[in-house]
Protein backbone atom coordinates (compact mmCIF):
# COMPACT_ATOMS: atom_id res chain seq x y z
CA MET A 1 7.82 0.52 -2.33
CA PHE A 2 7.29 4.27 -1.99
CA LEU A 3 3.87 3.65 -0.47
CA PHE A 4 5.35 1.24 2.09
CA LYS A 5 8.15 3.67 2.89
CA GLY A 6 5.55 6.34 3.61
CA VAL A 7 3.60 3.93 5.81
CA TYR A 8 6.84 3.02 7.61
CA PHE A 9 7.55 6.66 8.52
CA PHE A 10 3.93 7.40 9.42
CA GLN A 11 3.74 4.42 11.75
CA ALA A 12 7.18 5.06 13.27
CA GLU A 13 6.25 8.68 13.98
CA ASP A 14 3.05 7.61 15.72
CA GLY A 15 4.62 4.66 17.56
CA ILE A 16 2.59 2.08 15.64
CA ARG A 17 4.45 -1.20 15.39
CA ASP A 18 2.20 -3.49 13.34
CA LEU A 19 0.87 -3.19 9.81
CA TYR A 20 -2.39 -4.96 9.05
CA ALA A 21 -3.31 -5.29 5.38
CA VAL A 22 -5.34 -7.20 2.86
CA THR A 23 -3.38 -8.02 -0.24
CA GLU A 24 -3.51 -10.10 -3.36
CA GLU A 25 -1.60 -13.40 -3.35
CA LYS A 26 0.98 -12.32 -5.97
CA VAL A 27 1.73 -9.11 -4.04
CA TYR A 28 2.06 -11.14 -0.84
CA ARG A 29 4.63 -13.45 -2.45
CA LEU A 30 6.53 -10.50 -3.96
CA PHE A 31 6.81 -8.67 -0.65
CA CYS A 32 7.86 -11.84 1.18
CA ALA A 33 10.57 -12.34 -1.45
CA LYS A 34 11.70 -8.73 -0.88
CA GLY A 35 12.22 -9.48 2.82
CA PHE A 36 9.01 -8.24 4.43
CA PRO A 37 8.11 -10.59 7.31
CA TYR A 38 4.40 -10.93 6.48
CA LYS A 39 2.37 -13.43 8.47
CA LEU A 40 -1.00 -14.67 7.26
CA ILE A 41 -4.07 -14.03 9.38
CA GLY A 42 -6.55 -16.79 8.61
CA SER A 43 -6.78 -18.45 5.23
CA PRO A 44 -6.80 -16.87 1.75
CA LYS A 45 -10.23 -16.04 0.32
CA THR A 46 -11.28 -15.96 -3.31
CA MET A 47 -13.12 -12.74 -4.10
CA PRO A 48 -16.12 -12.60 -6.49
CA ASP A 49 -13.82 -11.31 -9.25
CA GLY A 50 -11.55 -14.35 -8.87
CA VAL A 51 -8.69 -12.59 -7.06
CA THR A 52 -7.27 -14.44 -4.07
CA ALA A 53 -7.02 -12.03 -1.14
CA MET A 54 -5.20 -12.59 2.12
CA ALA A 55 -5.15 -10.74 5.41
CA VAL A 56 -1.61 -10.21 6.69
CA ILE A 57 0.21 -8.65 9.61
CA MET A 58 3.76 -7.36 9.66
CA ASP A 59 5.83 -6.14 12.59
CA TRP A 60 8.02 -3.20 11.51
CA ARG A 61 10.51 -3.89 14.33
CA GLU A 62 10.92 -7.46 13.05
CA PHE A 63 11.55 -5.97 9.60
CA GLU A 64 14.27 -3.73 11.09
CA VAL A 65 15.90 -6.67 12.92
CA LEU A 66 15.84 -9.15 10.02
CA SER A 67 16.70 -6.78 7.18
CA PRO A 68 20.38 -6.12 8.01
CA ALA A 69 21.16 -9.78 7.33
CA LYS A 70 18.68 -10.42 4.51
CA ARG A 71 18.35 -7.11 2.68
CA PRO A 72 20.64 -4.39 4.10
CA GLU A 73 20.16 -2.12 1.07
CA MET A 74 16.38 -2.23 1.55
CA LEU A 75 16.65 -1.25 5.22
CA ARG A 76 19.05 1.58 4.33
CA TRP A 77 16.58 2.89 1.75
CA PHE A 78 13.62 2.56 4.12
CA THR A 79 15.33 4.37 6.99
CA GLN A 80 16.66 7.18 4.80
CA TYR A 81 14.12 9.97 5.25
CA GLN A 82 14.02 11.80 1.92
CA SER A 83 16.22 12.58 -1.03
CA SER A 84 17.17 16.21 -1.57
CA VAL A 85 14.97 16.25 -4.70
CA ALA A 86 11.90 15.10 -2.72
CA GLN A 87 12.71 17.66 0.00
CA LEU A 88 12.90 20.45 -2.59
CA GLN A 89 9.60 19.38 -4.19
CA TRP A 90 7.92 19.33 -0.77
CA GLN A 91 9.20 22.84 0.01
CA GLN A 92 7.93 24.10 -3.35
CA ARG A 93 4.47 22.63 -2.67
CA GLU A 94 4.35 24.24 0.79
CA SER A 95 5.38 27.59 -0.69
CA TRP A 96 2.73 27.34 -3.39
CA SER A 97 -0.05 26.41 -0.97
CA GLN A 98 0.63 29.49 1.17
CA HIS A 99 -0.28 31.74 -1.79
CA ARG A 100 -3.55 30.06 -2.75
CA ALA A 101 -6.83 31.74 -1.99
CA PHE A 102 -9.86 29.67 -1.08
CA ALA A 103 -13.35 30.96 -1.75
């Protein structure tokens, strides 16, 4: 979920509306159950290792419109930028990187 939250903010910042991905069938079902409006692109394919992969597309605006009714807590979490702990950790990393010397 943290990865998807990061993608959500990255795409929102750059004005990108759609997410295209290739995912495993179990992950696809899990995210659909969590309220992500994935749509299949083409048919699932079985990879050489036996994993069933599927190409999907998701519209983040559709996620924002459907989530208040289906999963309001998920939308709240996704639209909340950062916790104060994450903000503090980020500031510490920035401070540390200013003092590093590169050869």
